[in-house]
Amino acid sequence: MTILKDVLAELVSMFLGDANLSASILVVVAAAAGLIDLTGLHPLVGGSVLLVGCLAAVAIAVLATAKRHRAERQAARTAVL
C-alpha cells in the first residue's frame, strides 16, 4: 500500500509541479480539439496545432524557469558580497 501511495504522490507532483505549464498544455489541447470538432478542420491541422502549441508551451516554461533561476543566483551572489 505504501508503494501505491508513493507512486500516486509522484504522479501528482509530476503533473502539478509547474502549474503554468499544465494549464497552458490543457489550453492547447482544448484549442486543438475545438478546432477539429467545432470548425470541422482536418485532424492533421489540429494535430499540427497541438504539436506547435505544446512545443511553444514547453519552450516558454523552460525560458521562464531559466530566467527565475538566473535571478535567484544573481540575488544570492549579491547577498554574499
C-alpha atoms as a PDB file:
ATOM      1  CA  MET A   1       0.000   0.000   0.000  1.00  0.00           C
ATOM      2  CA  THR A   2       2.901   2.333   0.694  1.00  0.00           C
ATOM      3  CA  ILE A   3       4.258   1.830  -2.808  1.00  0.00           C
ATOM      4  CA  LEU A   4       0.898   2.768  -4.305  1.00  0.00           C
ATOM      5  CA  LYS A   5       0.756   5.956  -2.222  1.00  0.00           C
ATOM      6  CA  ASP A   6       4.312   6.828  -3.249  1.00  0.00           C
ATOM      7  CA  VAL A   7       3.536   6.287  -6.936  1.00  0.00           C
ATOM      8  CA  LEU A   8       0.356   8.369  -6.753  1.00  0.00           C
ATOM      9  CA  ALA A   9       2.140  11.150  -4.882  1.00  0.00           C
ATOM     10  CA  GLU A  10       4.883  11.177  -7.503  1.00  0.00           C
ATOM     11  CA  LEU A  11       2.332  11.347 -10.336  1.00  0.00           C
ATOM     12  CA  VAL A  12       0.506  14.237  -8.699  1.00  0.00           C
ATOM     13  CA  SER A  13       3.731  16.142  -8.114  1.00  0.00           C
ATOM     14  CA  MET A  14       4.801  15.487 -11.704  1.00  0.00           C
ATOM     15  CA  PHE A  15       1.642  16.984 -13.188  1.00  0.00           C
ATOM     16  CA  LEU A  16       1.228  19.791 -10.684  1.00  0.00           C
ATOM     17  CA  GLY A  17       4.893  20.668 -10.356  1.00  0.00           C
ATOM     18  CA  ASP A  18       4.587  23.527 -12.814  1.00  0.00           C
ATOM     19  CA  ALA A  19       1.022  24.797 -12.742  1.00  0.00           C
ATOM     20  CA  ASN A  20       1.556  27.272 -15.595  1.00  0.00           C
ATOM     21  CA  LEU A  21       2.859  24.547 -17.889  1.00  0.00           C
ATOM     22  CA  SER A  22      -0.010  22.216 -17.012  1.00  0.00           C
ATOM     23  CA  ALA A  23      -2.574  24.956 -17.610  1.00  0.00           C
ATOM     24  CA  SER A  24      -1.059  26.008 -20.924  1.00  0.00           C
ATOM     25  CA  ILE A  25      -0.957  22.410 -22.172  1.00  0.00           C
ATOM     26  CA  LEU A  26      -4.626  21.994 -21.240  1.00  0.00           C
ATOM     27  CA  VAL A  27      -5.465  25.181 -23.157  1.00  0.00           C
ATOM     28  CA  VAL A  28      -3.570  23.969 -26.224  1.00  0.00           C
ATOM     29  CA  VAL A  29      -5.310  20.579 -26.135  1.00  0.00           C
ATOM     30  CA  ALA A  30      -8.720  22.241 -25.743  1.00  0.00           C
ATOM     31  CA  ALA A  31      -7.981  24.629 -28.607  1.00  0.00           C
ATOM     32  CA  ALA A  32      -6.894  21.807 -30.905  1.00  0.00           C
ATOM     33  CA  ALA A  33      -9.958  19.734 -30.016  1.00  0.00           C
ATOM     34  CA  GLY A  34     -12.205  22.739 -30.532  1.00  0.00           C
ATOM     35  CA  LEU A  35     -10.697  23.436 -33.931  1.00  0.00           C
ATOM     36  CA  ILE A  36     -11.328  19.889 -35.040  1.00  0.00           C
ATOM     37  CA  ASP A  37     -14.813  19.461 -33.557  1.00  0.00           C
ATOM     38  CA  LEU A  38     -16.351  22.899 -33.884  1.00  0.00           C
ATOM     39  CA  THR A  39     -14.923  24.091 -37.185  1.00  0.00           C
ATOM     40  CA  GLY A  40     -14.621  20.750 -38.932  1.00  0.00           C
ATOM     41  CA  LEU A  41     -10.948  21.300 -39.641  1.00  0.00           C
ATOM     42  CA  HIS A  42      -8.929  18.357 -40.874  1.00  0.00           C
ATOM     43  CA  PRO A  43      -7.471  16.383 -37.933  1.00  0.00           C
ATOM     44  CA  LEU A  44      -3.973  16.772 -39.358  1.00  0.00           C
ATOM     45  CA  VAL A  45      -4.258  20.542 -38.959  1.00  0.00           C
ATOM     46  CA  GLY A  46      -5.482  20.061 -35.390  1.00  0.00           C
ATOM     47  CA  GLY A  47      -2.533  17.767 -34.740  1.00  0.00           C
ATOM     48  CA  SER A  48      -0.188  20.406 -36.103  1.00  0.00           C
ATOM     49  CA  VAL A  49      -1.734  22.989 -33.791  1.00  0.00           C
ATOM     50  CA  LEU A  50      -1.298  20.538 -30.929  1.00  0.00           C
ATOM     51  CA  LEU A  51       2.357  19.897 -31.779  1.00  0.00           C
ATOM     52  CA  VAL A  52       3.327  23.524 -32.255  1.00  0.00           C
ATOM     53  CA  GLY A  53       1.328  24.692 -29.239  1.00  0.00           C
ATOM     54  CA  CYS A  54       2.801  22.093 -26.890  1.00  0.00           C
ATOM     55  CA  LEU A  55       6.335  22.795 -28.076  1.00  0.00           C
ATOM     56  CA  ALA A  56       5.775  26.519 -27.578  1.00  0.00           C
ATOM     57  CA  ALA A  57       4.339  25.948 -24.090  1.00  0.00           C
ATOM     58  CA  VAL A  58       7.334  23.847 -23.068  1.00  0.00           C
ATOM     59  CA  ALA A  59       9.795  26.357 -24.526  1.00  0.00           C
ATOM     60  CA  ILE A  60       8.122  29.246 -22.686  1.00  0.00           C
ATOM     61  CA  ALA A  61       8.109  27.292 -19.419  1.00  0.00           C
ATOM     62  CA  VAL A  62      11.808  26.431 -19.783  1.00  0.00           C
ATOM     63  CA  LEU A  63      12.744  30.026 -20.538  1.00  0.00           C
ATOM     64  CA  ALA A  64      10.720  31.319 -17.573  1.00  0.00           C
ATOM     65  CA  THR A  65      12.335  28.794 -15.229  1.00  0.00           C
ATOM     66  CA  ALA A  66      15.816  29.647 -16.507  1.00  0.00           C
ATOM     67  CA  LYS A  67      15.129  33.348 -16.012  1.00  0.00           C
ATOM     68  CA  ARG A  68      13.878  32.729 -12.467  1.00  0.00           C
ATOM     69  CA  HIS A  69      16.933  30.613 -11.568  1.00  0.00           C
ATOM     70  CA  ARG A  70      19.256  33.193 -13.067  1.00  0.00           C
ATOM     71  CA  ALA A  71      17.644  35.940 -10.964  1.00  0.00           C
ATOM     72  CA  GLU A  72      17.870  33.791  -7.813  1.00  0.00           C
ATOM     73  CA  ARG A  73      21.528  33.054  -8.474  1.00  0.00           C
ATOM     74  CA  GLN A  74      22.230  36.751  -9.026  1.00  0.00           C
ATOM     75  CA  ALA A  75      20.416  37.651  -5.789  1.00  0.00           C
ATOM     76  CA  ALA A  76      22.429  35.044  -3.893  1.00  0.00           C
ATOM     77  CA  ARG A  77      25.683  36.472  -5.249  1.00  0.00           C
ATOM     78  CA  THR A  78      24.643  39.982  -4.313  1.00  0.00           C
ATOM     79  CA  ALA A  79      23.701  38.876  -0.783  1.00  0.00           C
ATOM     80  CA  VAL A  80      27.118  37.259  -0.282  1.00  0.00           C
ATOM     81  CA  LEU A  81      29.001  40.360  -1.376  1.00  0.00           C
END
